[in-house]
């Protein structure tokens, strides 16, 4: 796995318990954005990429009970505060990033 200071980890890695905890912390907010506020029956982190900044950004593919996976980006500050940056449909975790 190649990591560049400020760059994203590549290739994507399988989600671990820490990444699942990040997903769980933004689950309700994501459901409001893509599921009409209805709770997800399934919300499981699948794979992710991360970027070290003043904290860390995480792009995570999440398996839900919806038809396809979704992608979320989450920021975790150095103080441990977790913020949802965006939610998108299924696709490449590296979409929009320089190669």
PDB file of N, CA and C in Angstrom:
ATOM      1  N   UNK A   1       0.846  -1.163   0.000  1.00  0.00           N
ATOM      2  CA  UNK A   1       0.000   0.000   0.000  1.00  0.00           C
ATOM      3  C   UNK A   1       0.892   1.225   0.000  1.00  0.00           C
ATOM      4  N   UNK A   2       0.702   2.093  -0.988  1.00  0.00           N
ATOM      5  CA  UNK A   2       1.487   3.312  -1.081  1.00  0.00           C
ATOM      6  C   UNK A   2       0.775   4.437  -0.347  1.00  0.00           C
ATOM      7  N   UNK A   3       1.507   5.154   0.480  1.00  0.00           N
ATOM      8  CA  UNK A   3       0.945   6.305   1.174  1.00  0.00           C
ATOM      9  C   UNK A   3       1.872   7.486   0.969  1.00  0.00           C
ATOM     10  N   UNK A   4       1.319   8.589   0.501  1.00  0.00           N
ATOM     11  CA  UNK A   4       2.067   9.819   0.311  1.00  0.00           C
ATOM     12  C   UNK A   4       1.516  10.812   1.322  1.00  0.00           C
ATOM     13  N   UNK A   5       2.382  11.595   1.944  1.00  0.00           N
ATOM     14  CA  UNK A   5       1.920  12.590   2.896  1.00  0.00           C
ATOM     15  C   UNK A   5       0.869  13.475   2.223  1.00  0.00           C
ATOM     16  N   UNK A   6      -0.328  13.486   2.777  1.00  0.00           N
ATOM     17  CA  UNK A   6      -1.429  14.238   2.187  1.00  0.00           C
ATOM     18  C   UNK A   6      -2.138  13.487   1.077  1.00  0.00           C
ATOM     19  N   UNK A   7      -1.586  12.356   0.645  1.00  0.00           N
ATOM     20  CA  UNK A   7      -2.205  11.561  -0.415  1.00  0.00           C
ATOM     21  C   UNK A   7      -3.113  10.486   0.167  1.00  0.00           C
ATOM     22  N   UNK A   8      -3.904   9.893  -0.696  1.00  0.00           N
ATOM     23  CA  UNK A   8      -4.832   8.831  -0.286  1.00  0.00           C
ATOM     24  C   UNK A   8      -4.136   7.484  -0.316  1.00  0.00           C
ATOM     25  N   UNK A   9      -4.483   6.602   0.627  1.00  0.00           N
ATOM     26  CA  UNK A   9      -3.944   5.245   0.604  1.00  0.00           C
ATOM     27  C   UNK A   9      -4.419   4.568  -0.675  1.00  0.00           C
ATOM     28  N   UNK A  10      -3.567   3.756  -1.238  1.00  0.00           N
ATOM     29  CA  UNK A  10      -3.911   3.049  -2.476  1.00  0.00           C
ATOM     30  C   UNK A  10      -3.165   1.737  -2.473  1.00  0.00           C
ATOM     31  N   UNK A  11      -3.774   0.616  -2.739  1.00  0.00           N
ATOM     32  CA  UNK A  11      -5.183   0.431  -3.075  1.00  0.00           C
ATOM     33  C   UNK A  11      -6.081   0.529  -1.834  1.00  0.00           C
ATOM     34  N   UNK A  12      -7.391   0.521  -2.093  1.00  0.00           N
ATOM     35  CA  UNK A  12      -8.361   0.547  -0.996  1.00  0.00           C
ATOM     36  C   UNK A  12      -8.158  -0.682  -0.115  1.00  0.00           C
ATOM     37  N   UNK A  13      -8.493  -0.546   1.165  1.00  0.00           N
ATOM     38  CA  UNK A  13      -8.329  -1.644   2.120  1.00  0.00           C
ATOM     39  C   UNK A  13      -9.688  -2.112   2.609  1.00  0.00           C
ATOM     40  N   UNK A  14      -9.729  -3.360   3.087  1.00  0.00           N
ATOM     41  CA  UNK A  14     -10.965  -3.865   3.687  1.00  0.00           C
ATOM     42  C   UNK A  14     -11.212  -3.121   4.996  1.00  0.00           C
ATOM     43  N   UNK A  15     -12.469  -2.795   5.229  1.00  0.00           N
ATOM     44  CA  UNK A  15     -12.821  -2.046   6.429  1.00  0.00           C
ATOM     45  C   UNK A  15     -12.531  -2.845   7.693  1.00  0.00           C
ATOM     46  N   UNK A  16     -12.122  -2.141   8.723  1.00  0.00           N
ATOM     47  CA  UNK A  16     -11.841  -2.754  10.019  1.00  0.00           C
ATOM     48  C   UNK A  16     -12.817  -2.178  11.046  1.00  0.00           C
ATOM     49  N   UNK A  17     -12.759  -2.623  12.304  1.00  0.00           N
ATOM     50  CA  UNK A  17     -13.705  -2.122  13.310  1.00  0.00           C
ATOM     51  C   UNK A  17     -13.667  -0.602  13.498  1.00  0.00           C
ATOM     52  N   UNK A  18     -12.506   0.025  13.363  1.00  0.00           N
ATOM     53  CA  UNK A  18     -12.418   1.485  13.501  1.00  0.00           C
ATOM     54  C   UNK A  18     -13.223   2.183  12.400  1.00  0.00           C
ATOM     55  N   UNK A  19     -13.117   1.687  11.170  1.00  0.00           N
ATOM     56  CA  UNK A  19     -13.850   2.276  10.044  1.00  0.00           C
ATOM     57  C   UNK A  19     -15.346   2.014  10.205  1.00  0.00           C
ATOM     58  N   UNK A  20     -15.713   0.832  10.693  1.00  0.00           N
ATOM     59  CA  UNK A  20     -17.125   0.553  10.935  1.00  0.00           C
ATOM     60  C   UNK A  20     -17.688   1.511  11.983  1.00  0.00           C
ATOM     61  N   UNK A  21     -16.893   1.822  12.995  1.00  0.00           N
ATOM     62  CA  UNK A  21     -17.347   2.761  14.025  1.00  0.00           C
ATOM     63  C   UNK A  21     -17.579   4.153  13.435  1.00  0.00           C
ATOM     64  N   UNK A  22     -16.725   4.577  12.501  1.00  0.00           N
ATOM     65  CA  UNK A  22     -16.931   5.853  11.823  1.00  0.00           C
ATOM     66  C   UNK A  22     -18.258   5.842  11.068  1.00  0.00           C
ATOM     67  N   UNK A  23     -18.521   4.752  10.353  1.00  0.00           N
ATOM     68  CA  UNK A  23     -19.779   4.618   9.604  1.00  0.00           C
ATOM     69  C   UNK A  23     -20.979   4.680  10.542  1.00  0.00           C
ATOM     70  N   UNK A  24     -20.896   3.958  11.611  1.00  0.00           N
ATOM     71  CA  UNK A  24     -22.000   3.916  12.567  1.00  0.00           C
ATOM     72  C   UNK A  24     -22.285   5.307  13.130  1.00  0.00           C
ATOM     73  N   UNK A  25     -21.235   6.098  13.337  1.00  0.00           N
ATOM     74  CA  UNK A  25     -21.417   7.429  13.923  1.00  0.00           C
ATOM     75  C   UNK A  25     -22.134   8.396  12.985  1.00  0.00           C
ATOM     76  N   UNK A  26     -22.111   8.156  11.666  1.00  0.00           N
ATOM     77  CA  UNK A  26     -22.792   9.053  10.712  1.00  0.00           C
ATOM     78  C   UNK A  26     -24.008   8.391  10.061  1.00  0.00           C
ATOM     79  N   UNK A  27     -24.354   7.213  10.500  1.00  0.00           N
ATOM     80  CA  UNK A  27     -25.443   6.438   9.894  1.00  0.00           C
ATOM     81  C   UNK A  27     -26.761   7.212   9.807  1.00  0.00           C
ATOM     82  N   UNK A  28     -27.180   7.843  10.894  1.00  0.00           N
ATOM     83  CA  UNK A  28     -28.449   8.577  10.897  1.00  0.00           C
ATOM     84  C   UNK A  28     -28.418   9.751   9.923  1.00  0.00           C
ATOM     85  N   UNK A  29     -27.298  10.457   9.880  1.00  0.00           N
ATOM     86  CA  UNK A  29     -27.172  11.591   8.968  1.00  0.00           C
ATOM     87  C   UNK A  29     -27.223  11.129   7.504  1.00  0.00           C
ATOM     88  N   UNK A  30     -26.574  10.006   7.208  1.00  0.00           N
ATOM     89  CA  UNK A  30     -26.609   9.461   5.848  1.00  0.00           C
ATOM     90  C   UNK A  30     -28.033   9.045   5.485  1.00  0.00           C
ATOM     91  N   UNK A  31     -28.741   8.421   6.412  1.00  0.00           N
ATOM     92  CA  UNK A  31     -30.113   7.965   6.109  1.00  0.00           C
ATOM     93  C   UNK A  31     -31.016   9.151   5.790  1.00  0.00           C
ATOM     94  N   UNK A  32     -30.785  10.290   6.417  1.00  0.00           N
ATOM     95  CA  UNK A  32     -31.577  11.483   6.116  1.00  0.00           C
ATOM     96  C   UNK A  32     -31.310  11.979   4.696  1.00  0.00           C
ATOM     97  N   UNK A  33     -30.070  11.814   4.228  1.00  0.00           N
ATOM     98  CA  UNK A  33     -29.697  12.308   2.902  1.00  0.00           C
ATOM     99  C   UNK A  33     -30.124  11.375   1.771  1.00  0.00           C
ATOM    100  N   UNK A  34     -30.106  10.062   1.992  1.00  0.00           N
ATOM    101  CA  UNK A  34     -30.358   9.141   0.873  1.00  0.00           C
ATOM    102  C   UNK A  34     -31.504   8.165   1.090  1.00  0.00           C
ATOM    103  N   UNK A  35     -32.043   8.087   2.273  1.00  0.00           N
ATOM    104  CA  UNK A  35     -33.065   7.084   2.546  1.00  0.00           C
ATOM    105  C   UNK A  35     -34.315   7.723   3.159  1.00  0.00           C
ATOM    106  N   UNK A  36     -34.508   9.012   2.889  1.00  0.00           N
ATOM    107  CA  UNK A  36     -35.683   9.704   3.386  1.00  0.00           C
ATOM    108  C   UNK A  36     -35.811   9.713   4.897  1.00  0.00           C
ATOM    109  N   UNK A  37     -34.688   9.562   5.590  1.00  0.00           N
ATOM    110  CA  UNK A  37     -34.713   9.552   7.046  1.00  0.00           C
ATOM    111  C   UNK A  37     -35.048   8.206   7.650  1.00  0.00           C
ATOM    112  N   UNK A  38     -35.424   7.245   6.795  1.00  0.00           N
ATOM    113  CA  UNK A  38     -35.722   5.905   7.307  1.00  0.00           C
ATOM    114  C   UNK A  38     -34.424   5.216   7.705  1.00  0.00           C
ATOM    115  N   UNK A  39     -34.426   4.506   8.812  1.00  0.00           N
ATOM    116  CA  UNK A  39     -33.189   3.832   9.232  1.00  0.00           C
ATOM    117  C   UNK A  39     -32.814   2.723   8.253  1.00  0.00           C
ATOM    118  N   UNK A  40     -31.528   2.541   8.051  1.00  0.00           N
ATOM    119  CA  UNK A  40     -31.028   1.438   7.224  1.00  0.00           C
ATOM    120  C   UNK A  40     -31.147   0.135   8.000  1.00  0.00           C
ATOM    121  N   UNK A  41     -31.555  -0.915   7.322  1.00  0.00           N
ATOM    122  CA  UNK A  41     -31.534  -2.246   7.939  1.00  0.00           C
ATOM    123  C   UNK A  41     -30.103  -2.755   7.999  1.00  0.00           C
ATOM    124  N   UNK A  42     -29.315  -2.402   6.974  1.00  0.00           N
ATOM    125  CA  UNK A  42     -27.910  -2.800   6.904  1.00  0.00           C
ATOM    126  C   UNK A  42     -27.082  -1.567   6.603  1.00  0.00           C
ATOM    127  N   UNK A  43     -25.945  -1.409   7.270  1.00  0.00           N
ATOM    128  CA  UNK A  43     -25.044  -0.277   7.048  1.00  0.00           C
ATOM    129  C   UNK A  43     -23.646  -0.743   7.435  1.00  0.00           C
ATOM    130  N   UNK A  44     -23.013  -1.483   6.523  1.00  0.00           N
ATOM    131  CA  UNK A  44     -21.756  -2.160   6.818  1.00  0.00           C
ATOM    132  C   UNK A  44     -20.629  -1.629   5.952  1.00  0.00           C
ATOM    133  N   UNK A  45     -19.557  -1.158   6.589  1.00  0.00           N
ATOM    134  CA  UNK A  45     -18.375  -0.691   5.864  1.00  0.00           C
ATOM    135  C   UNK A  45     -17.764  -1.859   5.106  1.00  0.00           C
ATOM    136  N   UNK A  46     -17.442  -1.629   3.835  1.00  0.00           N
ATOM    137  CA  UNK A  46     -16.878  -2.680   2.985  1.00  0.00           C
ATOM    138  C   UNK A  46     -15.386  -2.450   2.753  1.00  0.00           C
ATOM    139  N   UNK A  47     -15.051  -1.341   2.116  1.00  0.00           N
ATOM    140  CA  UNK A  47     -13.650  -1.008   1.867  1.00  0.00           C
ATOM    141  C   UNK A  47     -13.478   0.497   2.010  1.00  0.00           C
ATOM    142  N   UNK A  48     -12.225   0.921   2.164  1.00  0.00           N
ATOM    143  CA  UNK A  48     -11.983   2.348   2.386  1.00  0.00           C
ATOM    144  C   UNK A  48     -10.597   2.759   1.935  1.00  0.00           C
ATOM    145  N   UNK A  49     -10.463   4.058   1.753  1.00  0.00           N
ATOM    146  CA  UNK A  49      -9.175   4.702   1.527  1.00  0.00           C
ATOM    147  C   UNK A  49      -9.107   5.839   2.545  1.00  0.00           C
ATOM    148  N   UNK A  50      -7.906   6.201   2.958  1.00  0.00           N
ATOM    149  CA  UNK A  50      -7.778   7.283   3.941  1.00  0.00           C
ATOM    150  C   UNK A  50      -6.689   8.252   3.514  1.00  0.00           C
ATOM    151  N   UNK A  51      -6.772   9.449   4.083  1.00  0.00           N
ATOM    152  CA  UNK A  51      -5.833  10.521   3.795  1.00  0.00           C
ATOM    153  C   UNK A  51      -5.526  11.239   5.099  1.00  0.00           C
ATOM    154  N   UNK A  52      -4.245  11.338   5.435  1.00  0.00           N
ATOM    155  CA  UNK A  52      -3.848  12.050   6.642  1.00  0.00           C
ATOM    156  C   UNK A  52      -3.756  13.534   6.321  1.00  0.00           C
ATOM    157  N   UNK A  53      -4.514  14.319   7.076  1.00  0.00           N
ATOM    158  CA  UNK A  53      -4.488  15.776   6.975  1.00  0.00           C
ATOM    159  C   UNK A  53      -4.369  16.279   8.414  1.00  0.00           C
ATOM    160  N   UNK A  54      -4.973  17.355   8.789  1.00  0.00           N
ATOM    161  CA  UNK A  54      -5.000  17.728  10.211  1.00  0.00           C
ATOM    162  C   UNK A  54      -6.133  16.934  10.842  1.00  0.00           C
ATOM    163  N   UNK A  55      -5.924  15.655  10.932  1.00  0.00           N
ATOM    164  CA  UNK A  55      -6.912  14.646  11.269  1.00  0.00           C
ATOM    165  C   UNK A  55      -6.831  13.622  10.149  1.00  0.00           C
ATOM    166  N   UNK A  56      -7.966  13.071   9.741  1.00  0.00           N
ATOM    167  CA  UNK A  56      -7.951  12.102   8.641  1.00  0.00           C
ATOM    168  C   UNK A  56      -9.274  12.135   7.889  1.00  0.00           C
ATOM    169  N   UNK A  57      -9.163  12.020   6.559  1.00  0.00           N
ATOM    170  CA  UNK A  57     -10.324  11.839   5.705  1.00  0.00           C
ATOM    171  C   UNK A  57     -10.442  10.360   5.391  1.00  0.00           C
ATOM    172  N   UNK A  58     -11.663   9.882   5.333  1.00  0.00           N
ATOM    173  CA  UNK A  58     -11.930   8.489   4.975  1.00  0.00           C
ATOM    174  C   UNK A  58     -12.975   8.460   3.881  1.00  0.00           C
ATOM    175  N   UNK A  59     -12.685   7.786   2.781  1.00  0.00           N
ATOM    176  CA  UNK A  59     -13.689   7.485   1.762  1.00  0.00           C
ATOM    177  C   UNK A  59     -14.040   6.019   1.961  1.00  0.00           C
ATOM    178  N   UNK A  60     -15.328   5.779   2.202  1.00  0.00           N
ATOM    179  CA  UNK A  60     -15.758   4.440   2.600  1.00  0.00           C
ATOM    180  C   UNK A  60     -16.894   3.969   1.703  1.00  0.00           C
ATOM    181  N   UNK A  61     -16.771   2.739   1.187  1.00  0.00           N
ATOM    182  CA  UNK A  61     -17.891   2.101   0.500  1.00  0.00           C
ATOM    183  C   UNK A  61     -18.700   1.369   1.554  1.00  0.00           C
ATOM    184  N   UNK A  62     -20.003   1.606   1.536  1.00  0.00           N
ATOM    185  CA  UNK A  62     -20.890   1.057   2.551  1.00  0.00           C
ATOM    186  C   UNK A  62     -21.958   0.201   1.888  1.00  0.00           C
ATOM    187  N   UNK A  63     -22.111  -1.010   2.366  1.00  0.00           N
ATOM    188  CA  UNK A  63     -23.187  -1.891   1.902  1.00  0.00           C
ATOM    189  C   UNK A  63     -24.423  -1.581   2.725  1.00  0.00           C
ATOM    190  N   UNK A  64     -25.518  -1.275   2.032  1.00  0.00           N
ATOM    191  CA  UNK A  64     -26.779  -0.993   2.708  1.00  0.00           C
ATOM    192  C   UNK A  64     -27.832  -1.957   2.197  1.00  0.00           C
ATOM    193  N   UNK A  65     -29.031  -1.846   2.730  1.00  0.00           N
ATOM    194  CA  UNK A  65     -30.135  -2.659   2.238  1.00  0.00           C
ATOM    195  C   UNK A  65     -30.720  -2.072   0.953  1.00  0.00           C
ATOM    196  N   UNK A  66     -30.154  -0.945   0.472  1.00  0.00           N
ATOM    197  CA  UNK A  66     -30.569  -0.377  -0.807  1.00  0.00           C
ATOM    198  C   UNK A  66     -30.010  -1.234  -1.935  1.00  0.00           C
ATOM    199  N   UNK A  67     -30.369  -0.920  -3.161  1.00  0.00           N
ATOM    200  CA  UNK A  67     -29.993  -1.732  -4.317  1.00  0.00           C
ATOM    201  C   UNK A  67     -28.483  -1.852  -4.477  1.00  0.00           C
ATOM    202  N   UNK A  68     -27.743  -0.754  -4.301  1.00  0.00           N
ATOM    203  CA  UNK A  68     -26.294  -0.811  -4.484  1.00  0.00           C
ATOM    204  C   UNK A  68     -25.585  -0.188  -3.289  1.00  0.00           C
ATOM    205  N   UNK A  69     -24.280  -0.292  -3.307  1.00  0.00           N
ATOM    206  CA  UNK A  69     -23.486   0.316  -2.244  1.00  0.00           C
ATOM    207  C   UNK A  69     -23.513   1.826  -2.411  1.00  0.00           C
ATOM    208  N   UNK A  70     -23.172   2.532  -1.354  1.00  0.00           N
ATOM    209  CA  UNK A  70     -22.999   3.973  -1.416  1.00  0.00           C
ATOM    210  C   UNK A  70     -21.580   4.296  -0.971  1.00  0.00           C
ATOM    211  N   UNK A  71     -21.138   5.494  -1.310  1.00  0.00           N
ATOM    212  CA  UNK A  71     -19.828   5.965  -0.870  1.00  0.00           C
ATOM    213  C   UNK A  71     -20.043   7.166   0.030  1.00  0.00           C
ATOM    214  N   UNK A  72     -19.288   7.203   1.103  1.00  0.00           N
ATOM    215  CA  UNK A  72     -19.333   8.361   1.983  1.00  0.00           C
ATOM    216  C   UNK A  72     -17.910   8.848   2.222  1.00  0.00           C
ATOM    217  N   UNK A  73     -17.789  10.142   2.498  1.00  0.00           N
ATOM    218  CA  UNK A  73     -16.504  10.665   2.941  1.00  0.00           C
ATOM    219  C   UNK A  73     -16.721  11.242   4.322  1.00  0.00           C
ATOM    220  N   UNK A  74     -15.850  10.853   5.238  1.00  0.00           N
ATOM    221  CA  UNK A  74     -15.948  11.236   6.636  1.00  0.00           C
ATOM    222  C   UNK A  74     -14.617  11.868   7.040  1.00  0.00           C
ATOM    223  N   UNK A  75     -14.695  12.934   7.822  1.00  0.00           N
ATOM    224  CA  UNK A  75     -13.498  13.558   8.376  1.00  0.00           C
ATOM    225  C   UNK A  75     -13.474  13.295   9.872  1.00  0.00           C
ATOM    226  N   UNK A  76     -12.321  12.856  10.376  1.00  0.00           N
ATOM    227  CA  UNK A  76     -12.125  12.676  11.817  1.00  0.00           C
ATOM    228  C   UNK A  76     -11.023  13.632  12.248  1.00  0.00           C
ATOM    229  N   UNK A  77     -11.387  14.593  13.096  1.00  0.00           N
ATOM    230  CA  UNK A  77     -10.422  15.604  13.550  1.00  0.00           C
ATOM    231  C   UNK A  77      -9.415  14.984  14.518  1.00  0.00           C
ATOM    232  N   UNK A  78      -8.361  15.728  14.774  1.00  0.00           N
ATOM    233  CA  UNK A  78      -7.365  15.274  15.749  1.00  0.00           C
ATOM    234  C   UNK A  78      -7.981  15.114  17.132  1.00  0.00           C
ATOM    235  N   UNK A  79      -9.034  15.881  17.412  1.00  0.00           N
ATOM    236  CA  UNK A  79      -9.730  15.788  18.699  1.00  0.00           C
ATOM    237  C   UNK A  79     -10.717  14.620  18.732  1.00  0.00           C
ATOM    238  N   UNK A  80     -10.908  13.956  17.583  1.00  0.00           N
ATOM    239  CA  UNK A  80     -11.794  12.790  17.534  1.00  0.00           C
ATOM    240  C   UNK A  80     -13.207  13.074  17.055  1.00  0.00           C
ATOM    241  N   UNK A  81     -13.511  14.326  16.700  1.00  0.00           N
ATOM    242  CA  UNK A  81     -14.849  14.658  16.199  1.00  0.00           C
ATOM    243  C   UNK A  81     -15.006  14.125  14.773  1.00  0.00           C
ATOM    244  N   UNK A  82     -16.130  13.455  14.510  1.00  0.00           N
ATOM    245  CA  UNK A  82     -16.400  12.849  13.204  1.00  0.00           C
ATOM    246  C   UNK A  82     -17.468  13.668  12.487  1.00  0.00           C
ATOM    247  N   UNK A  83     -17.184  14.014  11.220  1.00  0.00           N
ATOM    248  CA  UNK A  83     -18.092  14.822  10.418  1.00  0.00           C
ATOM    249  C   UNK A  83     -18.300  14.159   9.061  1.00  0.00           C
ATOM    250  N   UNK A  84     -19.549  14.068   8.625  1.00  0.00           N
ATOM    251  CA  UNK A  84     -19.859  13.564   7.287  1.00  0.00           C
ATOM    252  C   UNK A  84     -19.586  14.673   6.282  1.00  0.00           C
ATOM    253  N   UNK A  85     -18.735  14.401   5.280  1.00  0.00           N
ATOM    254  CA  UNK A  85     -18.412  15.403   4.259  1.00  0.00           C
ATOM    255  C   UNK A  85     -19.368  15.317   3.078  1.00  0.00           C
ATOM    256  N   UNK A  86     -19.605  14.105   2.574  1.00  0.00           N
ATOM    257  CA  UNK A  86     -20.532  13.904   1.470  1.00  0.00           C
ATOM    258  C   UNK A  86     -20.981  12.451   1.371  1.00  0.00           C
ATOM    259  N   UNK A  87     -22.048  12.251   0.566  1.00  0.00           N
ATOM    260  CA  UNK A  87     -22.596  10.925   0.275  1.00  0.00           C
ATOM    261  C   UNK A  87     -22.792  10.854  -1.235  1.00  0.00           C
ATOM    262  N   UNK A  88     -22.377   9.754  -1.862  1.00  0.00           N
ATOM    263  CA  UNK A  88     -22.561   9.547  -3.302  1.00  0.00           C
ATOM    264  C   UNK A  88     -23.000   8.113  -3.550  1.00  0.00           C
ATOM    265  N   UNK A  89     -23.477   7.871  -4.766  1.00  0.00           N
ATOM    266  CA  UNK A  89     -23.830   6.513  -5.169  1.00  0.00           C
ATOM    267  C   UNK A  89     -22.593   5.647  -5.331  1.00  0.00           C
ATOM    268  N   UNK A  90     -22.804   4.392  -5.666  1.00  0.00           N
ATOM    269  CA  UNK A  90     -21.705   3.448  -5.838  1.00  0.00           C
ATOM    270  C   UNK A  90     -20.763   3.926  -6.936  1.00  0.00           C
ATOM    271  N   UNK A  91     -19.506   3.634  -6.795  1.00  0.00           N
ATOM    272  CA  UNK A  91     -18.512   4.018  -7.791  1.00  0.00           C
ATOM    273  C   UNK A  91     -17.118   3.869  -7.224  1.00  0.00           C
ATOM    274  N   UNK A  92     -16.169   4.458  -7.925  1.00  0.00           N
ATOM    275  CA  UNK A  92     -14.763   4.382  -7.567  1.00  0.00           C
ATOM    276  C   UNK A  92     -14.469   5.286  -6.368  1.00  0.00           C
ATOM    277  N   UNK A  93     -13.796   4.743  -5.359  1.00  0.00           N
ATOM    278  CA  UNK A  93     -13.426   5.541  -4.181  1.00  0.00           C
ATOM    279  C   UNK A  93     -12.493   6.697  -4.559  1.00  0.00           C
ATOM    280  N   UNK A  94     -11.765   6.544  -5.646  1.00  0.00           N
ATOM    281  CA  UNK A  94     -10.765   7.545  -6.040  1.00  0.00           C
ATOM    282  C   UNK A  94     -11.299   8.528  -7.079  1.00  0.00           C
ATOM    283  N   UNK A  95     -12.602   8.476  -7.364  1.00  0.00           N
ATOM    284  CA  UNK A  95     -13.206   9.384  -8.338  1.00  0.00           C
ATOM    285  C   UNK A  95     -12.914  10.833  -7.987  1.00  0.00           C
ATOM    286  N   UNK A  96     -12.478  11.595  -8.977  1.00  0.00           N
ATOM    287  CA  UNK A  96     -12.216  13.016  -8.763  1.00  0.00           C
ATOM    288  C   UNK A  96     -10.861  13.330  -8.159  1.00  0.00           C
ATOM    289  N   UNK A  97     -10.069  12.305  -7.876  1.00  0.00           N
ATOM    290  CA  UNK A  97      -8.742  12.531  -7.311  1.00  0.00           C
ATOM    291  C   UNK A  97      -7.683  12.388  -8.390  1.00  0.00           C
ATOM    292  N   UNK A  98      -6.583  13.140  -8.305  1.00  0.00           N
ATOM    293  CA  UNK A  98      -5.510  12.980  -9.292  1.00  0.00           C
ATOM    294  C   UNK A  98      -4.884  11.596  -9.166  1.00  0.00           C
ATOM    295  N   UNK A  99      -4.494  11.019 -10.280  1.00  0.00           N
ATOM    296  CA  UNK A  99      -3.875   9.686 -10.274  1.00  0.00           C
ATOM    297  C   UNK A  99      -2.387   9.767 -10.342  1.00  0.00           C
TER     298      UNK A  99
END
